[in-house]
Amino acid sequence: MRPSFGRERSAVAVAFLIGFTPLLSMRADAVTEVEKLRAELAAAKDQLSKTQDELGATRAALESLTQRVDAIEAAPPPAPPEAPAPPPAAVAIAPAPMAENTARLPPVNADNPAISFVVDTELSSDTEDSWHSIGYANGVDFSLQNGELFISAPIDPFLRGYASINGSSDHGFDIEEAALVTTSLPWNLTVKGGRFFADFGRLPHWHDEALPFVNRPPSIDRIIGGESQAEGAEISWLAPIEHFVQFTYGLYNAVGSDNTDDVNQNGFFGRRDWSDLSMIGRVQTYFDLTDTWNLELGGSWLGVPHSSDRNLWGTDVTFRHQPGTEGFYQGLVWGTEWLWNREKFTERDDTGAVIGETRDHRNGGYTYAEAFFGRQFSAGVRFDYSEAPNDGKDLAETISPFITWQPSEFQRIRFQFDDTWGDEQTNQRFTLQWTAFLGSHSHGFAQR
């Protein structure tokens, strides 16, 4: 019986060991995990202790620096140094010439001025007889519409200057603008003088390459005489209020590139009385209607005081929709401008004697809308209504759809179709414009 009992005890012991072995293993794993946690806790305590030491050192350095600053501010200002006694008369030495200017600052425009160049070329085709540089003709024409060298730089802390030198197939080579502009006059005043685009209307003083379409609206070309180029001076005043309001007054020989050319061709014989000069007055303002919509308003007057030879009134309105950051390159612009012109025209014979005078009333203007679909593409349409300044009205109406592709900020390709109808003008023109900008080219805050 004992051997059997012994075998039973052995079997029970083996079974006990088999069941208890996993428990021992689990116990060992738990001990190992606790040791790891204790090691991590010790490392965290050590890191916290080091951080506290560094913070204490930083705080001490900051307190020391604060005390030094307080001591410097509390100290009385140093007394000016006493002038040294003059040397004896027998050995007096004259100061070197211009010694007082040895510490003067270098001029502001010590570096090269900003220089850029624009190449604006076109391919156009007309279906009817219309005006080209060679006369009335139809067919296809390649032309350099604009080759413009633009130079700008500050002259000193009080003045800057800029120049625009332009060449084209129609008008040859010319200095389009050369002007000086003050930068630090008191009372929010700015004075400009030289040859420049007078601040009349919205688009008349934009350069050709900055226009939102291929060409300048015909109403501006006919009534103003091209862009508002002028030789003279103007002063602007920005009202010192939170809302943007600016007033401009100018005095010029003539306004309009065609009119300016006529004056320059007369040379000194083109001089006139003060009352024969052209004057401009303009007021403009800006409103934020909502977070994404804004409005610009402007009113302009151009006149020649002598016998009220000319009174040209203009108003311009621009609505602009600019979405938020998600659609930064999208949006919509709607602009319109209307002109009322009352001008006296004198007819002379070959000897210069006056044989007749007329005082004609003419109107004209344009409206356009342009939608932006992203960074590279936009499309729009323009309608223009224009009357000839004198003689018969020669009414012409033009509708011009256009589309623009900008592969980059330095290159633009634009296609425009012009359909013109009226009293004496009927034509359909297709124009492909290719414009490229070399360097940083900007005429100020125009396209905003």
Protein backbone atom coordinates (compact mmCIF):
# COMPACT_ATOMS: atom_id res chain seq x y z
CA MET A 1 0.00 0.00 0.00
CA ARG A 2 2.84 2.47 0.69
CA PRO A 3 4.25 2.42 -2.86
CA SER A 4 0.85 3.28 -4.20
CA PHE A 5 0.46 6.13 -1.70
CA GLY A 6 3.92 7.43 -2.61
CA ARG A 7 3.09 7.44 -6.26
CA GLU A 8 -0.06 9.42 -5.54
CA ARG A 9 1.88 12.02 -3.57
CA SER A 10 4.41 12.36 -6.37
CA ALA A 11 1.64 12.86 -8.89
CA VAL A 12 0.05 15.57 -6.75
CA ALA A 13 3.38 17.36 -6.39
CA VAL A 14 3.98 17.33 -10.12
CA ALA A 15 0.51 18.67 -10.76
CA PHE A 16 1.06 21.42 -8.19
CA LEU A 17 4.32 22.46 -9.78
CA ILE A 18 2.78 22.52 -13.26
CA GLY A 19 -0.07 24.77 -12.10
CA PHE A 20 2.11 27.11 -9.99
CA THR A 21 4.88 27.73 -12.58
CA PRO A 22 2.82 30.29 -14.65
CA LEU A 23 2.01 32.16 -11.49
CA LEU A 24 5.70 32.46 -10.70
CA SER A 25 6.37 33.74 -14.23
CA MET A 26 3.62 36.38 -13.96
CA ARG A 27 5.03 37.45 -10.62
CA ALA A 28 8.48 37.91 -12.18
CA ASP A 29 7.08 39.99 -15.06
CA ALA A 30 5.22 42.24 -12.66
CA VAL A 31 8.41 42.83 -10.67
CA THR A 32 10.28 43.76 -13.88
CA GLU A 33 7.53 46.26 -14.96
CA VAL A 34 7.58 47.92 -11.52
CA GLU A 35 11.35 48.34 -11.74
CA LYS A 36 10.99 50.01 -15.18
CA LEU A 37 8.37 52.39 -13.86
CA ARG A 38 10.58 53.26 -10.89
CA ALA A 39 13.49 54.00 -13.29
CA GLU A 40 11.31 56.25 -15.46
CA LEU A 41 10.02 58.08 -12.37
CA ALA A 42 13.56 58.64 -11.16
CA ALA A 43 14.57 60.04 -14.61
CA ALA A 44 11.56 62.38 -14.64
CA LYS A 45 12.43 63.65 -11.16
CA ASP A 46 16.01 64.25 -12.27
CA GLN A 47 14.87 66.17 -15.39
CA LEU A 48 12.47 68.27 -13.30
CA SER A 49 15.26 69.10 -10.88
CA LYS A 50 17.52 70.25 -13.74
CA THR A 51 14.70 72.39 -15.22
CA GLN A 52 14.12 74.02 -11.84
CA ASP A 53 17.82 74.82 -11.56
CA GLU A 54 17.89 76.37 -15.06
CA LEU A 55 14.75 78.41 -14.33
CA GLY A 56 16.30 79.69 -11.14
CA ALA A 57 19.45 80.78 -13.00
CA THR A 58 17.37 82.54 -15.65
CA ARG A 59 15.33 84.32 -13.01
CA ALA A 60 18.48 85.47 -11.24
CA ALA A 61 19.98 86.81 -14.48
CA LEU A 62 16.73 88.65 -15.28
CA GLU A 63 16.61 90.23 -11.85
CA SER A 64 20.24 91.33 -12.21
CA LEU A 65 19.54 92.89 -15.60
CA THR A 66 16.46 94.68 -14.25
CA GLN A 67 18.50 96.16 -11.39
CA ARG A 68 21.14 97.42 -13.84
CA VAL A 69 18.50 99.10 -16.03
CA ASP A 70 16.88 100.72 -12.98
CA ALA A 71 20.27 101.97 -11.84
CA ILE A 72 21.03 103.48 -15.27
CA GLU A 73 17.63 105.22 -15.44
CA ALA A 74 18.02 106.58 -11.91
CA ALA A 75 21.51 107.97 -12.55
CA PRO A 76 21.69 111.69 -13.47
CA PRO A 77 22.55 112.48 -17.10
CA PRO A 78 26.23 112.99 -17.70
CA ALA A 79 27.38 116.55 -17.86
CA PRO A 80 28.39 117.79 -21.31
CA PRO A 81 32.13 117.73 -21.80
CA GLU A 82 33.87 120.99 -21.30
CA ALA A 83 35.19 122.64 -24.40
CA PRO A 84 38.96 122.31 -24.60
CA ALA A 85 40.94 125.45 -24.16
CA PRO A 86 41.98 127.04 -27.43
CA PRO A 87 45.63 126.66 -28.35
CA PRO A 88 47.88 129.66 -28.07
CA ALA A 89 47.49 132.16 -30.88
CA ALA A 90 51.02 131.59 -32.05
CA VAL A 91 50.38 127.92 -32.74
CA ALA A 92 46.68 128.02 -33.71
CA ILE A 93 45.85 125.67 -36.59
CA ALA A 94 42.87 126.21 -38.88
CA PRO A 95 40.43 123.26 -39.08
CA ALA A 96 40.42 121.15 -42.19
CA PRO A 97 37.78 122.10 -44.77
CA MET A 98 34.36 120.40 -44.33
CA ALA A 99 35.50 118.82 -41.07
CA GLU A 100 32.00 119.34 -39.65
CA ASN A 101 30.51 117.07 -42.36
CA THR A 102 32.74 114.05 -41.89
CA ALA A 103 29.98 112.15 -39.98
CA ARG A 104 27.08 112.91 -42.35
CA LEU A 105 24.88 110.02 -43.52
CA PRO A 106 25.24 108.60 -47.03
CA PRO A 107 22.57 109.55 -49.54
CA VAL A 108 19.36 107.50 -49.52
CA ASN A 109 19.72 106.34 -53.13
CA ALA A 110 23.33 105.20 -52.79
CA ASP A 111 22.35 101.90 -54.40
CA ASN A 112 21.05 101.56 -57.94
CA PRO A 113 17.46 102.70 -58.58
CA ALA A 114 14.68 100.22 -59.30
CA ILE A 115 14.62 99.51 -63.05
CA SER A 116 12.12 97.45 -65.02
CA PHE A 117 11.03 97.00 -68.61
CA VAL A 118 7.72 96.03 -70.21
CA VAL A 119 7.27 94.41 -73.61
CA ASP A 120 3.67 94.70 -74.83
CA THR A 121 3.07 93.36 -78.34
CA GLU A 122 -0.13 92.70 -80.30
CA LEU A 123 -1.50 90.88 -83.31
CA SER A 124 -4.79 92.33 -84.55
CA SER A 125 -7.12 91.67 -87.44
CA ASP A 126 -9.99 93.86 -88.72
CA THR A 127 -12.90 92.82 -90.87
CA GLU A 128 -13.76 96.37 -92.04
CA ASP A 129 -11.85 99.54 -92.85
CA SER A 130 -10.67 100.99 -89.54
CA TRP A 131 -7.91 103.22 -88.30
CA HIS A 132 -4.36 101.87 -88.14
CA SER A 133 -1.03 103.62 -87.83
CA ILE A 134 -0.79 103.59 -91.64
CA GLY A 135 -4.30 104.96 -92.18
CA TYR A 136 -7.62 103.31 -92.85
CA ALA A 137 -7.11 99.67 -93.78
CA ASN A 138 -8.30 96.20 -92.96
CA GLY A 139 -6.37 92.98 -92.62
CA VAL A 140 -3.72 91.79 -90.16
CA ASP A 141 -1.23 93.94 -88.26
CA PHE A 142 1.66 93.16 -85.88
CA SER A 143 2.61 96.04 -83.60
CA LEU A 144 4.65 96.95 -80.56
CA GLN A 145 2.02 98.65 -78.44
CA ASN A 146 4.34 99.46 -75.61
CA GLY A 147 8.02 99.08 -74.83
CA GLU A 148 8.40 100.86 -71.50
CA LEU A 149 11.49 101.41 -69.38
CA PHE A 150 10.49 102.42 -65.85
CA ILE A 151 13.00 103.89 -63.38
CA SER A 152 12.23 104.90 -59.79
CA ALA A 153 14.31 105.82 -56.74
CA PRO A 154 14.27 107.99 -53.62
CA ILE A 155 16.43 111.10 -54.05
CA ASP A 156 16.70 112.11 -50.40
CA PRO A 157 14.50 111.77 -47.29
CA PHE A 158 12.12 114.39 -48.72
CA LEU A 159 11.83 113.55 -52.41
CA ARG A 160 11.60 110.68 -54.87
CA GLY A 161 11.68 110.63 -58.64
CA TYR A 162 10.57 108.34 -61.42
CA ALA A 163 10.62 108.21 -65.21
CA SER A 164 8.83 106.19 -67.86
CA ILE A 165 10.56 106.04 -71.26
CA ASN A 166 8.26 104.57 -73.89
CA GLY A 167 8.44 103.40 -77.49
CA SER A 168 5.71 102.04 -79.76
CA SER A 169 4.94 101.38 -83.42
CA ASP A 170 2.41 104.22 -83.60
CA HIS A 171 4.09 106.97 -81.57
CA GLY A 172 7.80 106.23 -81.82
CA PHE A 173 10.12 106.96 -78.90
CA ASP A 174 9.11 109.38 -76.16
CA ILE A 175 9.55 110.22 -72.49
CA GLU A 176 6.11 109.33 -71.25
CA GLU A 177 6.65 110.44 -67.65
CA ALA A 178 9.42 112.16 -65.72
CA ALA A 179 8.33 113.55 -62.38
CA LEU A 180 9.38 114.44 -58.83
CA VAL A 181 7.19 113.62 -55.82
CA THR A 182 7.56 114.89 -52.27
CA THR A 183 7.48 112.35 -49.45
CA SER A 184 7.47 114.21 -46.13
CA LEU A 185 5.46 117.43 -46.37
CA PRO A 186 3.39 118.37 -43.30
CA TRP A 187 -0.41 118.30 -43.05
CA ASN A 188 -0.73 115.18 -45.25
CA LEU A 189 0.25 117.09 -48.39
CA THR A 190 2.00 115.68 -51.46
CA VAL A 191 3.30 117.72 -54.39
CA LYS A 192 4.15 116.29 -57.81
CA GLY A 193 5.79 118.14 -60.69
CA GLY A 194 7.09 117.41 -64.19
CA ARG A 195 5.51 115.31 -66.92
CA PHE A 196 3.10 112.69 -65.58
CA PHE A 197 -0.42 111.32 -65.89
CA ALA A 198 -2.76 113.81 -64.24
CA ASP A 199 -5.07 112.42 -61.56
CA PHE A 200 -8.29 112.61 -63.58
CA GLY A 201 -10.81 109.79 -63.40
CA ARG A 202 -9.87 106.16 -62.80
CA LEU A 203 -8.48 104.62 -66.00
CA PRO A 204 -7.21 107.77 -67.82
CA HIS A 205 -4.07 107.83 -65.64
CA TRP A 206 -3.33 104.09 -65.88
CA HIS A 207 -0.51 102.96 -68.14
CA ASP A 208 -1.47 100.77 -71.09
CA GLU A 209 0.04 97.59 -69.66
CA ALA A 210 -1.89 98.04 -66.39
CA LEU A 211 -5.34 98.18 -68.03
CA PRO A 212 -7.69 95.22 -67.44
CA PHE A 213 -8.31 94.96 -71.20
CA VAL A 214 -6.27 95.21 -74.41
CA ASN A 215 -6.81 98.91 -75.18
CA ARG A 216 -7.96 102.10 -73.52
CA PRO A 217 -11.74 102.63 -73.79
CA PRO A 218 -12.56 104.62 -76.96
CA SER A 219 -14.53 107.20 -74.96
CA ILE A 220 -11.39 108.14 -73.02
CA ASP A 221 -9.29 108.30 -76.19
CA ARG A 222 -11.78 110.57 -77.95
CA ILE A 223 -12.92 112.92 -75.18
CA ILE A 224 -9.73 113.24 -73.09
CA GLY A 225 -7.27 112.72 -75.93
CA GLY A 226 -5.65 109.45 -74.86
CA GLU A 227 -4.26 108.91 -71.38
CA SER A 228 -4.22 111.96 -69.12
CA GLN A 229 -0.59 112.88 -69.85
CA ALA A 230 0.23 116.41 -68.70
CA GLU A 231 3.11 118.76 -67.91
CA GLY A 232 2.61 120.81 -64.78
CA ALA A 233 2.19 120.36 -61.04
CA GLU A 234 -0.45 119.02 -58.70
CA ILE A 235 -0.96 118.90 -54.95
CA SER A 236 -2.87 116.22 -53.03
CA TRP A 237 -4.27 116.36 -49.51
CA LEU A 238 -5.27 113.28 -47.52
CA ALA A 239 -7.95 114.15 -44.98
CA PRO A 240 -6.70 113.37 -41.42
CA ILE A 241 -9.65 111.12 -40.55
CA GLU A 242 -10.10 107.37 -40.24
CA HIS A 243 -12.12 107.23 -43.45
CA PHE A 244 -10.10 107.55 -46.69
CA VAL A 245 -10.84 110.87 -48.47
CA GLN A 246 -8.31 112.53 -50.79
CA PHE A 247 -8.45 115.82 -52.68
CA THR A 248 -6.23 116.74 -55.64
CA TYR A 249 -5.72 120.02 -57.49
CA GLY A 250 -3.48 120.40 -60.54
CA LEU A 251 -2.33 123.06 -63.00
CA TYR A 252 -0.98 122.01 -66.43
CA ASN A 253 -0.22 123.18 -69.95
CA ALA A 254 -2.76 120.71 -71.34
CA VAL A 255 -4.21 117.31 -70.38
CA GLY A 256 -4.32 114.33 -72.72
CA SER A 257 -1.46 112.80 -74.70
CA ASP A 258 -2.79 114.15 -78.02
CA ASN A 259 -3.28 117.65 -76.59
CA THR A 260 0.14 117.59 -74.92
CA ASP A 261 1.80 116.66 -78.22
CA ASP A 262 0.13 119.64 -79.90
CA VAL A 263 1.41 122.01 -77.20
CA ASN A 264 4.96 120.63 -77.37
CA GLN A 265 5.10 120.96 -81.16
CA ASN A 266 4.44 124.69 -80.81
CA GLY A 267 7.58 125.11 -78.70
CA PHE A 268 7.85 128.50 -77.01
CA PHE A 269 5.04 129.78 -79.18
CA GLY A 270 2.79 127.52 -77.14
CA ARG A 271 3.13 129.74 -74.05
CA ARG A 272 -0.11 131.20 -72.76
CA ASP A 273 -1.74 133.25 -70.03
CA TRP A 274 -2.52 131.75 -66.64
CA SER A 275 -6.19 131.61 -67.56
CA ASP A 276 -5.36 129.47 -70.60
CA LEU A 277 -3.84 126.69 -68.49
CA SER A 278 -5.78 123.51 -67.74
CA MET A 279 -6.88 122.91 -64.16
CA ILE A 280 -7.98 119.69 -62.50
CA GLY A 281 -9.88 119.07 -59.28
CA ARG A 282 -10.60 115.58 -57.96
CA VAL A 283 -12.02 113.98 -54.83
CA GLN A 284 -12.04 110.24 -54.17
CA THR A 285 -13.07 107.98 -51.31
CA TYR A 286 -13.33 104.32 -50.39
CA PHE A 287 -15.84 102.21 -48.42
CA ASP A 288 -15.74 98.68 -47.01
CA LEU A 289 -19.34 97.54 -47.47
CA THR A 290 -18.79 94.06 -45.99
CA ASP A 291 -15.83 91.79 -45.27
CA THR A 292 -15.67 90.86 -48.97
CA TRP A 293 -17.26 93.83 -50.81
CA ASN A 294 -15.84 97.34 -51.16
CA LEU A 295 -16.69 100.46 -53.13
CA GLU A 296 -14.58 103.27 -54.63
CA LEU A 297 -16.10 106.59 -55.66
CA GLY A 298 -14.45 109.48 -57.48
CA GLY A 299 -15.42 112.79 -59.02
CA SER A 300 -13.21 114.86 -61.35
CA TRP A 301 -13.28 118.24 -63.10
CA LEU A 302 -11.03 119.53 -65.87
CA GLY A 303 -11.37 123.12 -67.03
CA VAL A 304 -9.75 125.99 -68.90
CA PRO A 305 -10.87 129.22 -67.16
CA HIS A 306 -10.42 131.59 -70.11
CA SER A 307 -13.94 132.19 -71.48
CA SER A 308 -14.85 128.77 -70.06
CA ASP A 309 -13.05 127.24 -73.04
CA ARG A 310 -13.50 123.79 -71.55
CA ASN A 311 -15.38 122.10 -68.75
CA LEU A 312 -15.08 118.33 -68.49
CA TRP A 313 -16.81 116.53 -65.64
CA GLY A 314 -16.32 112.90 -64.79
CA THR A 315 -17.49 110.38 -62.21
CA ASP A 316 -16.22 106.87 -61.60
CA VAL A 317 -17.59 104.00 -59.52
CA THR A 318 -15.88 100.67 -58.79
CA PHE A 319 -17.37 97.72 -56.92
CA ARG A 320 -15.00 94.94 -55.91
CA HIS A 321 -15.68 91.51 -54.45
CA GLN A 322 -12.70 89.79 -52.83
CA PRO A 323 -13.38 86.46 -51.05
CA GLY A 324 -11.43 85.35 -48.01
CA THR A 325 -8.29 83.28 -47.89
CA GLU A 326 -9.93 80.22 -49.45
CA GLY A 327 -10.67 82.15 -52.67
CA PHE A 328 -7.89 84.72 -52.54
CA TYR A 329 -7.34 84.68 -56.31
CA GLN A 330 -11.04 84.71 -57.12
CA GLY A 331 -13.41 87.63 -57.17
CA LEU A 332 -15.30 90.13 -59.27
CA VAL A 333 -14.71 93.76 -60.33
CA TRP A 334 -17.34 96.03 -61.83
CA GLY A 335 -16.24 99.52 -62.88
CA THR A 336 -17.86 102.36 -64.77
CA GLU A 337 -16.88 105.90 -65.69
CA TRP A 338 -18.91 108.62 -67.39
CA LEU A 339 -17.74 111.92 -68.91
CA TRP A 340 -19.58 115.16 -69.75
CA ASN A 341 -17.58 117.52 -71.98
CA ARG A 342 -18.42 121.11 -72.94
CA GLU A 343 -15.65 122.62 -75.05
CA LYS A 344 -15.15 125.61 -77.35
CA PHE A 345 -13.52 124.96 -80.74
CA THR A 346 -12.15 127.74 -82.94
CA GLU A 347 -11.83 127.44 -86.70
CA ARG A 348 -9.11 129.53 -88.37
CA ASP A 349 -8.09 130.16 -91.96
CA ASP A 350 -4.58 129.87 -93.38
CA THR A 351 -3.63 133.30 -92.02
CA GLY A 352 -4.73 132.43 -88.50
CA ALA A 353 -7.83 134.60 -88.55
CA VAL A 354 -10.86 133.25 -86.71
CA ILE A 355 -13.61 132.30 -89.12
CA GLY A 356 -15.92 130.46 -86.74
CA GLU A 357 -16.43 129.11 -83.22
CA THR A 358 -18.50 126.27 -81.85
CA ARG A 359 -19.22 125.16 -78.30
CA ASP A 360 -20.06 121.48 -78.37
CA HIS A 361 -21.55 119.26 -75.67
CA ARG A 362 -20.37 115.66 -75.83
CA ASN A 363 -20.81 112.63 -73.55
CA GLY A 364 -19.11 109.28 -73.29
CA GLY A 365 -18.14 106.51 -70.96
CA TYR A 366 -17.63 102.82 -70.38
CA THR A 367 -18.68 100.05 -68.05
CA TYR A 368 -17.02 96.67 -67.58
CA ALA A 369 -17.10 93.58 -65.41
CA GLU A 370 -14.29 91.07 -64.89
CA ALA A 371 -14.45 87.77 -63.02
CA PHE A 372 -11.36 86.04 -61.62
CA PHE A 373 -11.42 82.24 -61.59
CA GLY A 374 -8.08 81.61 -59.91
CA ARG A 375 -4.50 82.70 -59.96
CA GLN A 376 -4.14 82.47 -63.76
CA PHE A 377 -7.49 83.01 -65.48
CA SER A 378 -10.01 85.85 -65.70
CA ALA A 379 -12.64 86.94 -68.20
CA GLY A 380 -14.87 89.94 -68.69
CA VAL A 381 -16.78 92.20 -71.02
CA ARG A 382 -16.72 95.97 -71.64
CA PHE A 383 -19.25 98.29 -73.25
CA ASP A 384 -18.21 101.75 -74.45
CA TYR A 385 -20.26 104.72 -75.65
CA SER A 386 -18.32 107.60 -77.23
CA GLU A 387 -19.08 110.77 -79.15
CA ALA A 388 -16.59 112.86 -81.14
CA PRO A 389 -15.54 115.99 -79.19
CA ASN A 390 -16.51 118.40 -82.00
CA ASP A 391 -18.26 118.67 -85.37
CA GLY A 392 -20.69 115.80 -85.82
CA LYS A 393 -21.17 113.52 -82.86
CA ASP A 394 -19.99 110.49 -84.86
CA LEU A 395 -21.46 108.19 -82.23
CA ALA A 396 -19.65 104.89 -81.80
CA GLU A 397 -20.64 102.02 -79.53
CA THR A 398 -18.36 99.07 -78.82
CA ILE A 399 -18.81 95.82 -76.96
CA SER A 400 -15.60 93.96 -76.08
CA PRO A 401 -15.46 90.52 -74.45
CA PHE A 402 -11.96 89.54 -73.29
CA ILE A 403 -10.18 86.67 -71.56
CA THR A 404 -6.81 86.76 -69.78
CA TRP A 405 -4.32 84.01 -68.98
CA GLN A 406 -1.34 84.71 -66.70
CA PRO A 407 1.15 81.81 -66.75
CA SER A 408 3.08 83.72 -64.08
CA GLU A 409 3.12 87.12 -62.44
CA PHE A 410 5.61 88.30 -65.07
CA GLN A 411 3.74 87.22 -68.20
CA ARG A 412 0.22 87.77 -69.53
CA ILE A 413 -1.64 86.65 -72.66
CA ARG A 414 -4.99 88.29 -73.45
CA PHE A 415 -7.50 87.84 -76.25
CA GLN A 416 -10.16 90.47 -76.99
CA PHE A 417 -12.91 90.84 -79.58
CA ASP A 418 -14.25 94.35 -80.37
CA ASP A 419 -17.53 94.82 -82.20
CA THR A 420 -18.07 98.50 -83.11
CA TRP A 421 -21.13 100.05 -84.68
CA GLY A 422 -22.32 103.65 -85.02
CA ASP A 423 -22.87 106.63 -87.30
CA GLU A 424 -19.67 106.29 -89.33
CA GLN A 425 -17.78 103.40 -87.72
CA THR A 426 -18.49 99.69 -88.18
CA ASN A 427 -15.83 97.09 -87.54
CA GLN A 428 -14.98 93.79 -85.87
CA ARG A 429 -11.48 93.46 -84.50
CA PHE A 430 -9.69 90.42 -83.06
CA THR A 431 -6.66 91.16 -80.91
CA LEU A 432 -4.12 88.86 -79.27
CA GLN A 433 -1.93 90.65 -76.73
CA TRP A 434 1.29 89.27 -75.24
CA THR A 435 2.82 91.19 -72.35
CA ALA A 436 5.94 90.42 -70.31
CA PHE A 437 7.50 92.25 -67.37
CA LEU A 438 11.26 92.34 -66.76
CA GLY A 439 12.01 93.23 -63.17
CA SER A 440 9.69 94.54 -60.49
CA HIS A 441 7.25 96.76 -62.35
CA SER A 442 4.70 98.89 -60.51
CA HIS A 443 3.12 102.29 -60.95
CA GLY A 444 1.86 102.50 -57.40
CA PHE A 445 -1.34 101.35 -55.73
CA ALA A 446 -3.42 101.29 -58.92
CA GLN A 447 -4.89 97.84 -59.22
CA ARG A 448 -6.30 97.43 -55.76
